[in-house]
C-alpha atoms as a PDB file:
ATOM      1  CA  MET A   1       0.000   0.000   0.000  1.00  0.00           C
ATOM      2  CA  HIS A   2       1.177   3.528  -0.697  1.00  0.00           C
ATOM      3  CA  SER A   3      -1.915   5.667  -0.151  1.00  0.00           C
ATOM      4  CA  HIS A   4      -0.102   7.775   2.431  1.00  0.00           C
ATOM      5  CA  ILE A   5       2.490   8.818  -0.151  1.00  0.00           C
ATOM      6  CA  ASN A   6       1.418  11.547  -2.556  1.00  0.00           C
ATOM      7  CA  PHE A   7       3.646  12.237  -5.541  1.00  0.00           C
ATOM      8  CA  ALA A   8       1.242  15.015  -6.559  1.00  0.00           C
ATOM      9  CA  TYR A   9       0.769  14.206 -10.216  1.00  0.00           C
ATOM     10  CA  PRO A  10      -2.336  16.146 -11.342  1.00  0.00           C
ATOM     11  CA  TRP A  11      -5.644  14.334 -11.635  1.00  0.00           C
ATOM     12  CA  PRO A  12      -5.994  14.704 -15.456  1.00  0.00           C
ATOM     13  CA  PHE A  13      -3.004  12.358 -15.796  1.00  0.00           C
ATOM     14  CA  THR A  14      -4.128   9.874 -13.153  1.00  0.00           C
ATOM     15  CA  TYR A  15      -7.938   9.883 -13.389  1.00  0.00           C
ATOM     16  CA  GLY A  16      -8.734  11.806 -16.565  1.00  0.00           C
ATOM     17  CA  HIS A  17      -9.336   8.636 -18.567  1.00  0.00           C
ATOM     18  CA  LEU A  18     -11.719   7.296 -15.925  1.00  0.00           C
ATOM     19  CA  ILE A  19     -13.878  10.410 -16.178  1.00  0.00           C
ATOM     20  CA  LEU A  20     -13.964  10.027 -19.950  1.00  0.00           C
ATOM     21  CA  ALA A  21     -14.877   6.348 -19.565  1.00  0.00           C
ATOM     22  CA  VAL A  22     -17.801   7.108 -17.243  1.00  0.00           C
ATOM     23  CA  ILE A  23     -19.143   9.774 -19.590  1.00  0.00           C
ATOM     24  CA  ALA A  24     -18.702   7.525 -22.625  1.00  0.00           C
ATOM     25  CA  ALA A  25     -20.426   4.610 -20.865  1.00  0.00           C
ATOM     26  CA  ALA A  26     -23.384   6.864 -20.033  1.00  0.00           C
ATOM     27  CA  PHE A  27     -23.692   7.904 -23.675  1.00  0.00           C
ATOM     28  CA  LEU A  28     -23.376   4.269 -24.753  1.00  0.00           C
ATOM     29  CA  GLY A  29     -26.266   3.317 -22.475  1.00  0.00           C
ATOM     30  CA  LEU A  30     -28.321   6.198 -23.827  1.00  0.00           C
ATOM     31  CA  ALA A  31     -27.474   5.172 -27.387  1.00  0.00           C
ATOM     32  CA  PHE A  32     -28.769   1.635 -26.787  1.00  0.00           C
ATOM     33  CA  TYR A  33     -31.894   2.931 -25.041  1.00  0.00           C
ATOM     34  CA  ARG A  34     -32.698   5.414 -27.790  1.00  0.00           C
ATOM     35  CA  LYS A  35     -31.701   2.996 -30.557  1.00  0.00           C
ATOM     36  CA  TRP A  36     -29.179   5.332 -32.162  1.00  0.00           C
ATOM     37  CA  PRO A  37     -27.657   4.327 -35.529  1.00  0.00           C
ATOM     38  CA  THR A  38     -25.237   1.406 -35.488  1.00  0.00           C
ATOM     39  CA  PHE A  39     -22.230   3.466 -36.574  1.00  0.00           C
ATOM     40  CA  LEU A  40     -22.715   5.755 -33.545  1.00  0.00           C
ATOM     41  CA  LEU A  41     -22.926   2.743 -31.240  1.00  0.00           C
ATOM     42  CA  ILE A  42     -19.668   1.444 -32.673  1.00  0.00           C
ATOM     43  CA  LEU A  43     -17.905   4.810 -32.304  1.00  0.00           C
ATOM     44  CA  ILE A  44     -19.103   5.369 -28.734  1.00  0.00           C
ATOM     45  CA  GLY A  45     -18.338   1.753 -27.833  1.00  0.00           C
ATOM     46  CA  ALA A  46     -14.794   2.042 -29.200  1.00  0.00           C
ATOM     47  CA  PHE A  47     -14.220   5.274 -27.261  1.00  0.00           C
ATOM     48  CA  THR A  48     -15.536   3.643 -24.074  1.00  0.00           C
ATOM     49  CA  LEU A  49     -13.203   0.690 -24.561  1.00  0.00           C
ATOM     50  CA  TRP A  50     -10.198   2.950 -25.205  1.00  0.00           C
ATOM     51  CA  SER A  51     -10.800   5.259 -22.246  1.00  0.00           C
ATOM     52  CA  THR A  52     -11.369   2.311 -19.874  1.00  0.00           C
ATOM     53  CA  SER A  53      -8.275   0.414 -21.002  1.00  0.00           C
ATOM     54  CA  ALA A  54      -6.183   3.614 -20.964  1.00  0.00           C
ATOM     55  CA  PHE A  55      -7.238   4.305 -17.380  1.00  0.00           C
ATOM     56  CA  LEU A  56      -6.295   0.788 -16.303  1.00  0.00           C
ATOM     57  CA  LEU A  57      -2.922   1.113 -18.014  1.00  0.00           C
ATOM     58  CA  VAL A  58      -2.168   4.486 -16.408  1.00  0.00           C
ATOM     59  CA  ARG A  59      -3.418   3.397 -12.993  1.00  0.00           C
ATOM     60  CA  PHE A  60      -1.842  -0.051 -12.770  1.00  0.00           C
ATOM     61  CA  GLY A  61       0.824   0.047 -15.486  1.00  0.00           C
ATOM     62  CA  PHE A  62       2.355   3.504 -15.182  1.00  0.00           C
ATOM     63  CA  ASP A  63       1.077   3.975 -11.585  1.00  0.00           C
ATOM     64  CA  LEU A  64       2.258   7.582 -11.526  1.00  0.00           C
ATOM     65  CA  ASN A  65       1.346   8.155  -7.900  1.00  0.00           C
ATOM     66  CA  GLY A  66       2.689   4.807  -6.711  1.00  0.00           C
ATOM     67  CA  ARG A  67       6.155   3.691  -5.751  1.00  0.00           C
ATOM     68  CA  ALA A  68       8.479   3.339  -8.736  1.00  0.00           C
ATOM     69  CA  ILE A  69      10.361   0.102  -9.349  1.00  0.00           C
ATOM     70  CA  MET A  70      13.981   0.416 -10.428  1.00  0.00           C
ATOM     71  CA  PRO A  71      14.041  -0.726 -14.080  1.00  0.00           C
ATOM     72  CA  THR A  72      17.306  -2.655 -13.726  1.00  0.00           C
ATOM     73  CA  GLN A  73      19.297  -4.305 -10.966  1.00  0.00           C
ATOM     74  CA  SER A  74      22.624  -3.494 -12.619  1.00  0.00           C
ATOM     75  CA  PHE A  75      22.720   0.031 -11.175  1.00  0.00           C
ATOM     76  CA  LEU A  76      24.977   0.388  -8.123  1.00  0.00           C
ATOM     77  CA  THR A  77      25.279  -3.340  -7.503  1.00  0.00           C
ATOM     78  CA  SER A  78      27.577  -2.645  -4.560  1.00  0.00           C
ATOM     79  CA  GLY A  79      24.396  -1.649  -2.745  1.00  0.00           C
ATOM     80  CA  SER A  80      26.042   1.273  -0.984  1.00  0.00           C
ATOM     81  CA  GLY A  81      27.384   4.753  -1.643  1.00  0.00           C
ATOM     82  CA  ARG A  82      26.271   8.354  -1.922  1.00  0.00           C
ATOM     83  CA  VAL A  83      23.672   8.953  -4.645  1.00  0.00           C
ATOM     84  CA  LEU A  84      22.392  12.145  -6.246  1.00  0.00           C
ATOM     85  CA  ASP A  85      18.834  12.414  -7.555  1.00  0.00           C
ATOM     86  CA  MET A  86      18.872  15.085 -10.275  1.00  0.00           C
ATOM     87  CA  GLY A  87      15.402  16.611 -10.553  1.00  0.00           C
ATOM     88  CA  ALA A  88      13.919  14.774  -7.565  1.00  0.00           C
ATOM     89  CA  GLY A  89      10.499  16.437  -7.774  1.00  0.00           C
ATOM     90  CA  THR A  90       8.254  14.962  -5.100  1.00  0.00           C
ATOM     91  CA  GLY A  91      10.605  12.078  -4.374  1.00  0.00           C
ATOM     92  CA  ARG A  92       9.430   9.143  -6.471  1.00  0.00           C
ATOM     93  CA  SER A  93      12.869   8.305  -7.867  1.00  0.00           C
ATOM     94  CA  SER A  94      14.578   9.098  -4.548  1.00  0.00           C
ATOM     95  CA  ILE A  95      12.404   6.592  -2.705  1.00  0.00           C
ATOM     96  CA  MET A  96      12.945   4.071  -5.501  1.00  0.00           C
ATOM     97  CA  ILE A  97      16.723   4.180  -5.012  1.00  0.00           C
ATOM     98  CA  LEU A  98      16.690   4.304  -1.218  1.00  0.00           C
ATOM     99  CA  GLU A  99      14.388   1.285  -1.016  1.00  0.00           C
ATOM    100  CA  ALA A 100      16.192  -0.725  -3.694  1.00  0.00           C
ATOM    101  CA  ARG A 101      19.633   0.074  -2.244  1.00  0.00           C
ATOM    102  CA  PRO A 102      19.132   0.239   1.552  1.00  0.00           C
ATOM    103  CA  GLN A 103      22.807   0.921   2.295  1.00  0.00           C
ATOM    104  CA  THR A 104      22.894   4.140   0.283  1.00  0.00           C
ATOM    105  CA  THR A 105      22.448   7.755   1.260  1.00  0.00           C
ATOM    106  CA  LEU A 106      20.915  10.245  -1.154  1.00  0.00           C
ATOM    107  CA  VAL A 107      20.860  13.942  -1.950  1.00  0.00           C
ATOM    108  CA  ALA A 108      17.620  15.052  -3.625  1.00  0.00           C
ATOM    109  CA  LEU A 109      18.237  18.025  -5.925  1.00  0.00           C
ATOM    110  CA  ASP A 110      15.460  20.095  -7.467  1.00  0.00           C
ATOM    111  CA  SER A 111      15.059  23.735  -8.414  1.00  0.00           C
ATOM    112  CA  PHE A 112      11.385  23.679  -7.296  1.00  0.00           C
ATOM    113  CA  GLY A 113      10.880  26.220 -10.043  1.00  0.00           C
ATOM    114  CA  GLU A 114       8.896  26.548 -13.277  1.00  0.00           C
ATOM    115  CA  SER A 115       9.030  22.871 -14.220  1.00  0.00           C
ATOM    116  CA  TYR A 116       7.998  21.846 -10.706  1.00  0.00           C
ATOM    117  CA  VAL A 117       4.990  24.166 -10.847  1.00  0.00           C
ATOM    118  CA  GLU A 118       4.024  22.818 -14.281  1.00  0.00           C
ATOM    119  CA  HIS A 119       4.096  19.162 -13.242  1.00  0.00           C
ATOM    120  CA  PHE A 120       2.995  19.225  -9.619  1.00  0.00           C
ATOM    121  CA  GLY A 121       0.643  22.163  -9.455  1.00  0.00           C
ATOM    122  CA  ALA A 122       2.446  24.346  -6.916  1.00  0.00           C
ATOM    123  CA  GLY A 123       1.672  28.020  -7.283  1.00  0.00           C
ATOM    124  CA  GLY A 124       2.547  31.219  -5.532  1.00  0.00           C
ATOM    125  CA  LYS A 125       5.751  33.169  -4.976  1.00  0.00           C
ATOM    126  CA  PRO A 126       9.148  31.501  -5.589  1.00  0.00           C
ATOM    127  CA  GLN A 127       9.845  31.071  -1.878  1.00  0.00           C
ATOM    128  CA  GLU A 128       6.390  29.579  -1.327  1.00  0.00           C
ATOM    129  CA  VAL A 129       6.967  27.106  -4.167  1.00  0.00           C
ATOM    130  CA  LEU A 130      10.377  26.205  -2.731  1.00  0.00           C
ATOM    131  CA  ASP A 131       8.915  25.648   0.742  1.00  0.00           C
ATOM    132  CA  LEU A 132       6.007  23.587  -0.590  1.00  0.00           C
ATOM    133  CA  GLY A 133       8.364  21.491  -2.710  1.00  0.00           C
ATOM    134  CA  ARG A 134      10.532  20.731   0.290  1.00  0.00           C
ATOM    135  CA  GLN A 135       7.506  19.904   2.422  1.00  0.00           C
ATOM    136  CA  ARG A 136       6.109  17.475  -0.148  1.00  0.00           C
ATOM    137  CA  LEU A 137       9.469  15.815  -0.613  1.00  0.00           C
ATOM    138  CA  VAL A 138      10.128  15.507   3.128  1.00  0.00           C
ATOM    139  CA  ALA A 139       6.612  14.161   3.736  1.00  0.00           C
ATOM    140  CA  ASN A 140       7.023  11.435   1.112  1.00  0.00           C
ATOM    141  CA  LEU A 141      10.494  10.460   2.308  1.00  0.00           C
ATOM    142  CA  ARG A 142       9.165  10.243   5.849  1.00  0.00           C
ATOM    143  CA  ALA A 143       6.116   8.212   4.790  1.00  0.00           C
ATOM    144  CA  ALA A 144       8.429   5.747   3.037  1.00  0.00           C
ATOM    145  CA  GLY A 145      10.638   5.525   6.131  1.00  0.00           C
ATOM    146  CA  VAL A 146      13.799   6.675   4.346  1.00  0.00           C
ATOM    147  CA  GLU A 147      14.101  10.301   5.465  1.00  0.00           C
ATOM    148  CA  GLN A 148      17.069   9.548   7.726  1.00  0.00           C
ATOM    149  CA  ARG A 149      19.188   8.649   4.691  1.00  0.00           C
ATOM    150  CA  ALA A 150      18.186  11.592   2.511  1.00  0.00           C
ATOM    151  CA  THR A 151      18.922  15.310   2.377  1.00  0.00           C
ATOM    152  CA  ILE A 152      17.334  17.968   0.171  1.00  0.00           C
ATOM    153  CA  GLN A 153      19.372  20.456  -1.841  1.00  0.00           C
ATOM    154  CA  PRO A 154      17.608  23.177  -3.868  1.00  0.00           C
ATOM    155  CA  GLY A 155      19.516  23.834  -7.071  1.00  0.00           C
ATOM    156  CA  ASP A 156      19.634  23.766 -10.855  1.00  0.00           C
ATOM    157  CA  MET A 157      20.856  20.531 -12.449  1.00  0.00           C
ATOM    158  CA  ARG A 158      22.525  22.605 -15.187  1.00  0.00           C
ATOM    159  CA  LYS A 159      24.855  24.180 -12.626  1.00  0.00           C
ATOM    160  CA  MET A 160      24.908  22.094  -9.478  1.00  0.00           C
ATOM    161  CA  PRO A 161      26.188  23.309  -6.088  1.00  0.00           C
ATOM    162  CA  PHE A 162      28.499  20.335  -5.467  1.00  0.00           C
ATOM    163  CA  PRO A 163      32.268  19.825  -5.669  1.00  0.00           C
ATOM    164  CA  ASP A 164      33.815  17.561  -8.279  1.00  0.00           C
ATOM    165  CA  ALA A 165      33.694  13.762  -7.905  1.00  0.00           C
ATOM    166  CA  CYS A 166      31.582  13.635  -4.759  1.00  0.00           C
ATOM    167  CA  PHE A 167      28.907  11.022  -5.673  1.00  0.00           C
ATOM    168  CA  ASP A 168      29.127   7.264  -6.243  1.00  0.00           C
ATOM    169  CA  GLY A 169      25.946   7.189  -8.298  1.00  0.00           C
ATOM    170  CA  ILE A 170      23.366   9.462  -9.908  1.00  0.00           C
ATOM    171  CA  VAL A 171      19.740   8.866 -10.815  1.00  0.00           C
ATOM    172  CA  SER A 172      17.570  11.149 -12.917  1.00  0.00           C
ATOM    173  CA  ALA A 173      14.011  10.156 -13.773  1.00  0.00           C
ATOM    174  CA  TYR A 174      11.826  12.077 -16.245  1.00  0.00           C
ATOM    175  CA  ALA A 175      13.636  15.347 -15.565  1.00  0.00           C
ATOM    176  CA  ILE A 176      16.530  15.940 -17.950  1.00  0.00           C
ATOM    177  CA  ASP A 177      14.311  15.239 -20.958  1.00  0.00           C
ATOM    178  CA  HIS A 178      12.255  18.333 -20.097  1.00  0.00           C
ATOM    179  CA  LEU A 179      15.224  20.546 -20.916  1.00  0.00           C
ATOM    180  CA  THR A 180      16.338  22.051 -24.198  1.00  0.00           C
ATOM    181  CA  ARG A 181      19.250  20.505 -26.102  1.00  0.00           C
ATOM    182  CA  ASP A 182      21.708  22.912 -24.491  1.00  0.00           C
ATOM    183  CA  GLY A 183      20.175  22.237 -21.091  1.00  0.00           C
ATOM    184  CA  ILE A 184      20.555  18.491 -21.601  1.00  0.00           C
ATOM    185  CA  ARG A 185      24.208  18.883 -22.518  1.00  0.00           C
ATOM    186  CA  SER A 186      24.860  21.120 -19.513  1.00  0.00           C
ATOM    187  CA  SER A 187      23.104  18.744 -17.121  1.00  0.00           C
ATOM    188  CA  LEU A 188      24.935  15.669 -18.367  1.00  0.00           C
ATOM    189  CA  ALA A 189      28.251  17.530 -18.212  1.00  0.00           C
ATOM    190  CA  GLU A 190      27.458  18.462 -14.611  1.00  0.00           C
ATOM    191  CA  ALA A 191      26.522  14.862 -13.842  1.00  0.00           C
ATOM    192  CA  SER A 192      29.894  13.735 -15.158  1.00  0.00           C
ATOM    193  CA  ARG A 193      31.666  16.422 -13.134  1.00  0.00           C
ATOM    194  CA  VAL A 194      30.140  15.516  -9.747  1.00  0.00           C
ATOM    195  CA  LEU A 195      30.360  11.753 -10.271  1.00  0.00           C
ATOM    196  CA  LYS A 196      33.414   9.842  -9.102  1.00  0.00           C
ATOM    197  CA  PRO A 197      35.514   8.002 -11.719  1.00  0.00           C
ATOM    198  CA  LYS A 198      33.717   4.780 -12.696  1.00  0.00           C
ATOM    199  CA  GLY A 199      30.603   6.095 -10.964  1.00  0.00           C
ATOM    200  CA  GLU A 200      27.246   5.000 -12.368  1.00  0.00           C
ATOM    201  CA  PHE A 201      24.373   7.004 -13.794  1.00  0.00           C
ATOM    202  CA  LEU A 202      20.813   5.674 -14.094  1.00  0.00           C
ATOM    203  CA  LEU A 203      18.956   7.869 -16.585  1.00  0.00           C
ATOM    204  CA  MET A 204      15.205   7.328 -17.010  1.00  0.00           C
ATOM    205  CA  LEU A 205      13.317   9.179 -19.754  1.00  0.00           C
ATOM    206  CA  ILE A 206       9.835   9.442 -21.176  1.00  0.00           C
ATOM    207  CA  SER A 207       9.664   7.194 -24.239  1.00  0.00           C
ATOM    208  CA  LYS A 208       7.518   7.902 -27.272  1.00  0.00           C
ATOM    209  CA  ASP A 209       6.428   4.265 -27.482  1.00  0.00           C
ATOM    210  CA  PHE A 210       3.107   2.592 -28.309  1.00  0.00           C
ATOM    211  CA  TRP A 211       1.874   2.721 -24.713  1.00  0.00           C
ATOM    212  CA  LEU A 212       2.397   6.474 -24.337  1.00  0.00           C
ATOM    213  CA  LYS A 213       0.800   7.193 -27.701  1.00  0.00           C
ATOM    214  CA  TYR A 214      -2.130   4.908 -26.852  1.00  0.00           C
ATOM    215  CA  THR A 215      -2.893   6.550 -23.517  1.00  0.00           C
ATOM    216  CA  PHE A 216      -1.955  10.215 -23.980  1.00  0.00           C
ATOM    217  CA  GLY A 217      -1.361  10.815 -27.685  1.00  0.00           C
ATOM    218  CA  PRO A 218       0.545  14.093 -28.152  1.00  0.00           C
ATOM    219  CA  ILE A 219      -0.016  15.371 -24.595  1.00  0.00           C
ATOM    220  CA  LEU A 220       3.214  14.000 -23.104  1.00  0.00           C
ATOM    221  CA  LEU A 221       5.278  14.041 -26.263  1.00  0.00           C
ATOM    222  CA  HIS A 222       7.334  17.059 -25.284  1.00  0.00           C
ATOM    223  CA  ALA A 223      10.622  18.054 -26.865  1.00  0.00           C
ATOM    224  CA  GLY A 224      12.595  15.610 -24.736  1.00  0.00           C
ATOM    225  CA  THR A 225      11.234  12.465 -26.402  1.00  0.00           C
ATOM    226  CA  ARG A 226      14.317  11.914 -28.545  1.00  0.00           C
ATOM    227  CA  PRO A 227      15.376   8.533 -30.018  1.00  0.00           C
ATOM    228  CA  ALA A 228      17.630   6.259 -27.985  1.00  0.00           C
ATOM    229  CA  ALA A 229      20.608   6.780 -30.299  1.00  0.00           C
ATOM    230  CA  ARG A 230      20.490  10.513 -29.602  1.00  0.00           C
ATOM    231  CA  TRP A 231      20.635   9.931 -25.851  1.00  0.00           C
ATOM    232  CA  VAL A 232      23.579   7.572 -26.281  1.00  0.00           C
ATOM    233  CA  GLU A 233      25.337  10.343 -28.171  1.00  0.00           C
ATOM    234  CA  PHE A 234      24.548  12.871 -25.429  1.00  0.00           C
ATOM    235  CA  LEU A 235      25.918  10.521 -22.761  1.00  0.00           C
ATOM    236  CA  GLN A 236      29.063   9.665 -24.679  1.00  0.00           C
ATOM    237  CA  ASN A 237      29.808  13.331 -25.374  1.00  0.00           C
ATOM    238  CA  ALA A 238      29.498  14.016 -21.632  1.00  0.00           C
ATOM    239  CA  GLY A 239      32.127  11.405 -20.801  1.00  0.00           C
ATOM    240  CA  PHE A 240      29.970   8.349 -20.134  1.00  0.00           C
ATOM    241  CA  GLU A 241      30.065   4.788 -21.428  1.00  0.00           C
ATOM    242  CA  VAL A 242      26.606   3.231 -21.830  1.00  0.00           C
ATOM    243  CA  VAL A 243      26.676  -0.240 -20.249  1.00  0.00           C
ATOM    244  CA  GLU A 244      22.955  -1.058 -20.409  1.00  0.00           C
ATOM    245  CA  GLN A 245      19.945   0.209 -22.317  1.00  0.00           C
ATOM    246  CA  GLY A 246      16.362  -0.904 -21.955  1.00  0.00           C
ATOM    247  CA  ALA A 247      12.710   0.011 -22.072  1.00  0.00           C
ATOM    248  CA  ARG A 248       9.566  -0.289 -20.015  1.00  0.00           C
ATOM    249  CA  PRO A 249       6.103   1.045 -20.912  1.00  0.00           C
ATOM    250  CA  ALA A 250       6.523   4.776 -21.641  1.00  0.00           C
ATOM    251  CA  THR A 251      10.092   4.654 -20.305  1.00  0.00           C
ATOM    252  CA  LEU A 252      13.539   4.490 -21.862  1.00  0.00           C
ATOM    253  CA  TYR A 253      16.446   3.929 -19.498  1.00  0.00           C
ATOM    254  CA  PHE A 254      20.237   3.826 -19.582  1.00  0.00           C
ATOM    255  CA  VAL A 255      22.884   2.736 -17.135  1.00  0.00           C
ATOM    256  CA  ALA A 256      26.064   4.655 -17.928  1.00  0.00           C
ATOM    257  CA  ARG A 257      29.485   4.651 -16.313  1.00  0.00           C
ATOM    258  CA  LYS A 258      31.793   7.614 -16.101  1.00  0.00           C
ATOM    259  CA  ARG A 259      34.967   6.974 -18.056  1.00  0.00           C
END
């Protein structure tokens, strides 16, 4: 159970399809009752089937407001070390790492700025957004029982407030791909800078695959949905060697090692 953890993804992403399904089912019932033309029954029935199946996929497949499962066990197999979460948001990827690697400590970095407001619905003045972001993150870490091994650091992943070679591992989930091309390059260069030699980087990205297109169409296909080969190029140019590449529904991931 994870009902006490709230990753704050807005309801249109988590329950929007269910609302559409209920409305479509009501129209389908009305269409049968009023004996509407067959082609309308087929269209409404198809829409009802899509919206219902899309809701089930988002709720139980993507499970945006549930605990994330690490997509590979090859990241940080030592099970210990100091990890940085670049673009931690409300803590989903931070909790994922801290639970999968119980001997690690973690620094959760986020600017709690424009992108945070866009994805998690925080409004108000910059300081209010920063305070709310911290509160949400702390609350989720505490609810997961991992707050003692985590610290929060406000900051921009394109220019991070850390010394060189101070982390054993880095995770970034659905954050770097929201940046422009120059922002991506800057962030990956910073990741390479703060990572120790031979340190590992788990990069998780939104993937423009069948499942994302089926559920959300163009809604989530922002500029960061680049092909895998382009991300390999970005990583290599930043000084990383890609040691594993894989995919899960709506997700592309890489495990890279600093050269």
